[in-house]
Amino acid sequence: MSGANERCFRGHTDRYWLQQWGTQLARRGWSVGKGKTWLGSAGNDGIYGAEYRALAEAFQRDQHLDVDGLIGANTWSAAFKNPVT
């Protein structure tokens, strides 16, 4: 999901879901948002690009997941279910 196409699933756009993932990482203590360490340029705008990819890769490394920069099922689940490290 890129967030750019505004595809809907489960009642929300893909952009909304990317924003929710970024928000969840902020809740976990990651410095996420405009002017912060992660997503610092565009903020948590829900449009997947280089900043979301870098954040996903860092999170995947932190959680000992396969590092591919994509926010798939394992990465999504880890953000909401794994203990904060």
C-alpha atoms as a PDB file:
ATOM      1  CA  MET A   1       0.000   0.000   0.000  1.00  0.00           C
ATOM      2  CA  SER A   2       1.372   3.367  -0.940  1.00  0.00           C
ATOM      3  CA  GLY A   3      -1.223   5.759   0.413  1.00  0.00           C
ATOM      4  CA  ALA A   4      -1.177   7.624  -2.870  1.00  0.00           C
ATOM      5  CA  ASN A   5      -4.045   5.743  -4.515  1.00  0.00           C
ATOM      6  CA  GLU A   6      -6.583   6.157  -1.697  1.00  0.00           C
ATOM      7  CA  ARG A   7      -7.664   2.525  -1.970  1.00  0.00           C
ATOM      8  CA  CYS A   8     -10.148   1.515   0.707  1.00  0.00           C
ATOM      9  CA  PHE A   9     -10.228  -1.589   2.829  1.00  0.00           C
ATOM     10  CA  ARG A  10     -11.927  -2.249   6.117  1.00  0.00           C
ATOM     11  CA  GLY A  11     -13.664   1.101   5.799  1.00  0.00           C
ATOM     12  CA  HIS A  12     -10.551   3.266   5.527  1.00  0.00           C
ATOM     13  CA  THR A  13      -8.040   4.308   2.884  1.00  0.00           C
ATOM     14  CA  ASP A  14      -4.546   2.868   2.679  1.00  0.00           C
ATOM     15  CA  ARG A  15      -3.288   6.328   3.609  1.00  0.00           C
ATOM     16  CA  TYR A  16      -5.274   6.169   6.868  1.00  0.00           C
ATOM     17  CA  TRP A  17      -3.743   2.769   7.705  1.00  0.00           C
ATOM     18  CA  LEU A  18      -0.190   4.013   7.100  1.00  0.00           C
ATOM     19  CA  GLN A  19      -0.879   6.938   9.408  1.00  0.00           C
ATOM     20  CA  GLN A  20      -2.196   4.543  12.059  1.00  0.00           C
ATOM     21  CA  TRP A  21       1.002   2.509  11.842  1.00  0.00           C
ATOM     22  CA  GLY A  22       3.130   5.639  12.248  1.00  0.00           C
ATOM     23  CA  THR A  23       0.982   6.795  15.153  1.00  0.00           C
ATOM     24  CA  GLN A  24       1.377   3.413  16.837  1.00  0.00           C
ATOM     25  CA  LEU A  25       5.159   3.640  16.605  1.00  0.00           C
ATOM     26  CA  ALA A  26       4.982   7.102  18.172  1.00  0.00           C
ATOM     27  CA  ARG A  27       2.931   5.587  21.015  1.00  0.00           C
ATOM     28  CA  ARG A  28       5.703   3.031  21.427  1.00  0.00           C
ATOM     29  CA  GLY A  29       8.213   5.844  21.929  1.00  0.00           C
ATOM     30  CA  TRP A  30       9.602   6.276  18.425  1.00  0.00           C
ATOM     31  CA  SER A  31      10.282   9.888  17.436  1.00  0.00           C
ATOM     32  CA  VAL A  32       7.788  10.035  14.559  1.00  0.00           C
ATOM     33  CA  GLY A  33       6.423  13.146  12.884  1.00  0.00           C
ATOM     34  CA  LYS A  34       7.325  16.365  11.152  1.00  0.00           C
ATOM     35  CA  GLY A  35      10.658  17.663  12.441  1.00  0.00           C
ATOM     36  CA  LYS A  36      11.377  14.462  14.361  1.00  0.00           C
ATOM     37  CA  THR A  37      13.806  11.602  13.756  1.00  0.00           C
ATOM     38  CA  TRP A  38      11.411   9.517  11.631  1.00  0.00           C
ATOM     39  CA  LEU A  39       9.097  10.942   8.954  1.00  0.00           C
ATOM     40  CA  GLY A  40      10.690  14.290   9.740  1.00  0.00           C
ATOM     41  CA  SER A  41      10.200  15.973   6.366  1.00  0.00           C
ATOM     42  CA  ALA A  42       6.641  15.121   5.366  1.00  0.00           C
ATOM     43  CA  GLY A  43       5.391  14.032   8.756  1.00  0.00           C
ATOM     44  CA  ASN A  44       3.060  11.098   9.264  1.00  0.00           C
ATOM     45  CA  ASP A  45       1.159  11.895   6.066  1.00  0.00           C
ATOM     46  CA  GLY A  46       0.297   8.315   5.151  1.00  0.00           C
ATOM     47  CA  ILE A  47       2.041   8.378   1.778  1.00  0.00           C
ATOM     48  CA  TYR A  48       4.648   5.630   1.592  1.00  0.00           C
ATOM     49  CA  GLY A  49       8.029   6.766   0.355  1.00  0.00           C
ATOM     50  CA  ALA A  50      11.670   6.822   1.419  1.00  0.00           C
ATOM     51  CA  GLU A  51      10.889   8.051   4.952  1.00  0.00           C
ATOM     52  CA  TYR A  52       8.303   5.350   5.672  1.00  0.00           C
ATOM     53  CA  ARG A  53      10.658   2.764   4.184  1.00  0.00           C
ATOM     54  CA  ALA A  54      13.526   3.899   6.460  1.00  0.00           C
ATOM     55  CA  LEU A  55      11.230   3.808   9.494  1.00  0.00           C
ATOM     56  CA  ALA A  56       9.932   0.354   8.556  1.00  0.00           C
ATOM     57  CA  GLU A  57      13.482  -0.951   8.126  1.00  0.00           C
ATOM     58  CA  ALA A  58      14.598   0.475  11.482  1.00  0.00           C
ATOM     59  CA  PHE A  59      11.543  -0.978  13.218  1.00  0.00           C
ATOM     60  CA  GLN A  60      12.065  -4.356  11.563  1.00  0.00           C
ATOM     61  CA  ARG A  61      15.695  -4.420  12.721  1.00  0.00           C
ATOM     62  CA  ASP A  62      14.609  -3.447  16.238  1.00  0.00           C
ATOM     63  CA  GLN A  63      12.048  -6.252  16.297  1.00  0.00           C
ATOM     64  CA  HIS A  64      14.334  -8.853  14.659  1.00  0.00           C
ATOM     65  CA  LEU A  65      12.032  -9.183  11.663  1.00  0.00           C
ATOM     66  CA  ASP A  66      13.015  -9.709   8.040  1.00  0.00           C
ATOM     67  CA  VAL A  67      14.176  -6.285   6.888  1.00  0.00           C
ATOM     68  CA  ASP A  68      12.489  -5.390   3.608  1.00  0.00           C
ATOM     69  CA  GLY A  69      11.151  -1.890   4.332  1.00  0.00           C
ATOM     70  CA  LEU A  70       7.587  -2.983   3.647  1.00  0.00           C
ATOM     71  CA  ILE A  71       4.798  -2.788   6.183  1.00  0.00           C
ATOM     72  CA  GLY A  72       3.393  -6.270   5.737  1.00  0.00           C
ATOM     73  CA  ALA A  73       1.478  -8.468   8.145  1.00  0.00           C
ATOM     74  CA  ASN A  74       4.434  -9.283  10.426  1.00  0.00           C
ATOM     75  CA  THR A  75       5.615  -5.678  10.659  1.00  0.00           C
ATOM     76  CA  TRP A  76       2.076  -4.426  11.265  1.00  0.00           C
ATOM     77  CA  SER A  77       1.402  -7.034  13.929  1.00  0.00           C
ATOM     78  CA  ALA A  78       4.705  -6.362  15.705  1.00  0.00           C
ATOM     79  CA  ALA A  79       3.846  -2.667  16.006  1.00  0.00           C
ATOM     80  CA  PHE A  80       0.635  -3.453  17.844  1.00  0.00           C
ATOM     81  CA  LYS A  81       1.415  -6.690  19.685  1.00  0.00           C
ATOM     82  CA  ASN A  82       5.133  -7.038  20.423  1.00  0.00           C
ATOM     83  CA  PRO A  83       6.524  -5.700  23.681  1.00  0.00           C
ATOM     84  CA  VAL A  84       8.202  -2.319  23.475  1.00  0.00           C
ATOM     85  CA  THR A  85      11.970  -2.753  23.332  1.00  0.00           C
END
